[in-house]
């Protein structure tokens, strides 16, 4: 069962809002896990995009099937976008913490 992203939810995905309140380090594996979660969804997302395009080109009058694929694609895109936002949140927060400590970042 995946862990809840409490830090991400608490600050509504804004690393700038989280930076003054976070004193601990952001482990690199948090960023890596967020990236892996996003990348693992890309194959399914790609298949849904191709399926929609194929239906629209080859069966343009199959409105029920097109509508179902669009709904599935919308859910997949929302899920992918959340994963992307988490990845950028943790990466941005880690960079801000590095800047506040060392005056420079490695990324």
Protein backbone atom coordinates (compact mmCIF):
# COMPACT_ATOMS: atom_id res chain seq x y z
CA UNK A 1 0.00 0.00 0.00
CA UNK A 2 1.53 3.35 -1.01
CA UNK A 3 2.33 5.94 1.61
CA UNK A 4 0.25 9.09 1.75
CA UNK A 5 2.01 12.23 0.61
CA UNK A 6 1.20 14.20 3.76
CA UNK A 7 3.89 16.81 3.19
CA UNK A 8 2.72 17.40 -0.39
CA UNK A 9 -0.93 17.65 0.70
CA UNK A 10 -0.20 19.86 3.71
CA UNK A 11 1.47 22.56 1.61
CA UNK A 12 -0.76 22.06 -1.45
CA UNK A 13 2.18 21.12 -3.67
CA UNK A 14 4.12 24.37 -3.13
CA UNK A 15 7.78 23.90 -2.21
CA UNK A 16 8.03 27.65 -1.47
CA UNK A 17 5.35 27.36 1.22
CA UNK A 18 6.93 24.21 2.64
CA UNK A 19 10.53 25.42 2.75
CA UNK A 20 10.35 27.65 5.87
CA UNK A 21 8.57 24.97 7.86
CA UNK A 22 10.63 21.94 6.86
CA UNK A 23 13.89 21.50 8.72
CA UNK A 24 14.60 17.86 7.90
CA UNK A 25 16.23 16.72 4.70
CA UNK A 26 14.22 15.37 1.78
CA UNK A 27 15.66 11.93 1.05
CA UNK A 28 16.61 11.41 -2.61
CA UNK A 29 14.56 8.21 -2.64
CA UNK A 30 11.36 10.29 -2.18
CA UNK A 31 12.13 12.04 -5.46
CA UNK A 32 13.10 8.76 -7.11
CA UNK A 33 9.91 7.02 -5.93
CA UNK A 34 7.80 9.89 -7.27
CA UNK A 35 9.63 9.66 -10.63
CA UNK A 36 9.22 5.87 -10.80
CA UNK A 37 5.51 6.21 -9.98
CA UNK A 38 5.07 8.72 -12.79
CA UNK A 39 7.11 6.73 -15.31
CA UNK A 40 5.24 3.49 -14.51
CA UNK A 41 1.98 5.13 -15.59
CA UNK A 42 3.29 6.28 -18.97
CA UNK A 43 2.85 2.95 -20.78
CA UNK A 44 -0.83 2.72 -19.86
CA UNK A 45 -1.30 6.40 -20.69
CA UNK A 46 0.31 5.95 -24.10
CA UNK A 47 -1.91 2.98 -24.90
CA UNK A 48 -5.04 4.94 -24.00
CA UNK A 49 -3.92 7.88 -26.18
CA UNK A 50 -3.28 5.60 -29.15
CA UNK A 51 -6.58 3.80 -28.61
CA UNK A 52 -8.45 7.11 -28.64
CA UNK A 53 -6.66 8.26 -31.79
CA UNK A 54 -7.35 4.94 -33.53
CA UNK A 55 -11.04 5.09 -32.63
CA UNK A 56 -11.36 8.67 -33.80
CA UNK A 57 -9.67 7.92 -37.13
CA UNK A 58 -11.03 4.45 -37.90
CA UNK A 59 -14.44 4.47 -36.20
CA UNK A 60 -15.53 8.11 -35.86
CA UNK A 61 -19.18 7.17 -35.33
CA UNK A 62 -18.45 4.90 -32.35
CA UNK A 63 -19.37 7.65 -29.92
CA UNK A 64 -19.93 5.41 -26.89
CA UNK A 65 -16.52 3.76 -27.25
CA UNK A 66 -14.82 7.12 -27.82
CA UNK A 67 -16.56 8.60 -24.79
CA UNK A 68 -15.45 5.67 -22.61
CA UNK A 69 -11.84 5.93 -23.76
CA UNK A 70 -11.87 9.70 -23.19
CA UNK A 71 -13.11 9.16 -19.63
CA UNK A 72 -10.41 6.56 -18.98
CA UNK A 73 -7.78 8.85 -20.48
CA UNK A 74 -8.93 11.75 -18.31
CA UNK A 75 -8.48 9.65 -15.16
CA UNK A 76 -5.05 8.45 -16.28
CA UNK A 77 -3.94 12.00 -17.11
CA UNK A 78 -5.08 13.31 -13.72
CA UNK A 79 -3.19 10.51 -11.98
CA UNK A 80 -0.05 11.16 -14.05
CA UNK A 81 -0.27 14.90 -13.37
CA UNK A 82 -0.47 14.33 -9.61
CA UNK A 83 2.61 12.11 -9.77
CA UNK A 84 4.44 14.77 -11.78
CA UNK A 85 3.48 17.48 -9.30
CA UNK A 86 4.72 15.37 -6.38
CA UNK A 87 8.01 14.75 -8.15
CA UNK A 88 8.57 18.45 -8.84
CA UNK A 89 7.46 19.38 -5.30
CA UNK A 90 10.00 17.11 -3.63
CA UNK A 91 12.73 18.08 -6.08
CA UNK A 92 12.03 21.79 -5.62
CA UNK A 93 11.94 21.49 -1.85
CA UNK A 94 15.22 19.60 -1.83
CA UNK A 95 16.84 22.31 -3.98
CA UNK A 96 15.53 25.07 -1.70
CA UNK A 97 16.91 23.27 1.34
CA UNK A 98 20.31 22.85 -0.38
CA UNK A 99 20.35 26.56 -1.26
CA UNK A 100 19.54 27.58 2.29
CA UNK A 101 22.31 25.36 3.70
CA UNK A 102 25.11 25.62 1.13
CA UNK A 103 24.23 28.60 -1.05
CA UNK A 104 24.16 26.36 -4.15
CA UNK A 105 22.45 23.23 -5.36
CA UNK A 106 23.67 20.19 -7.22
CA UNK A 107 20.70 20.06 -9.57
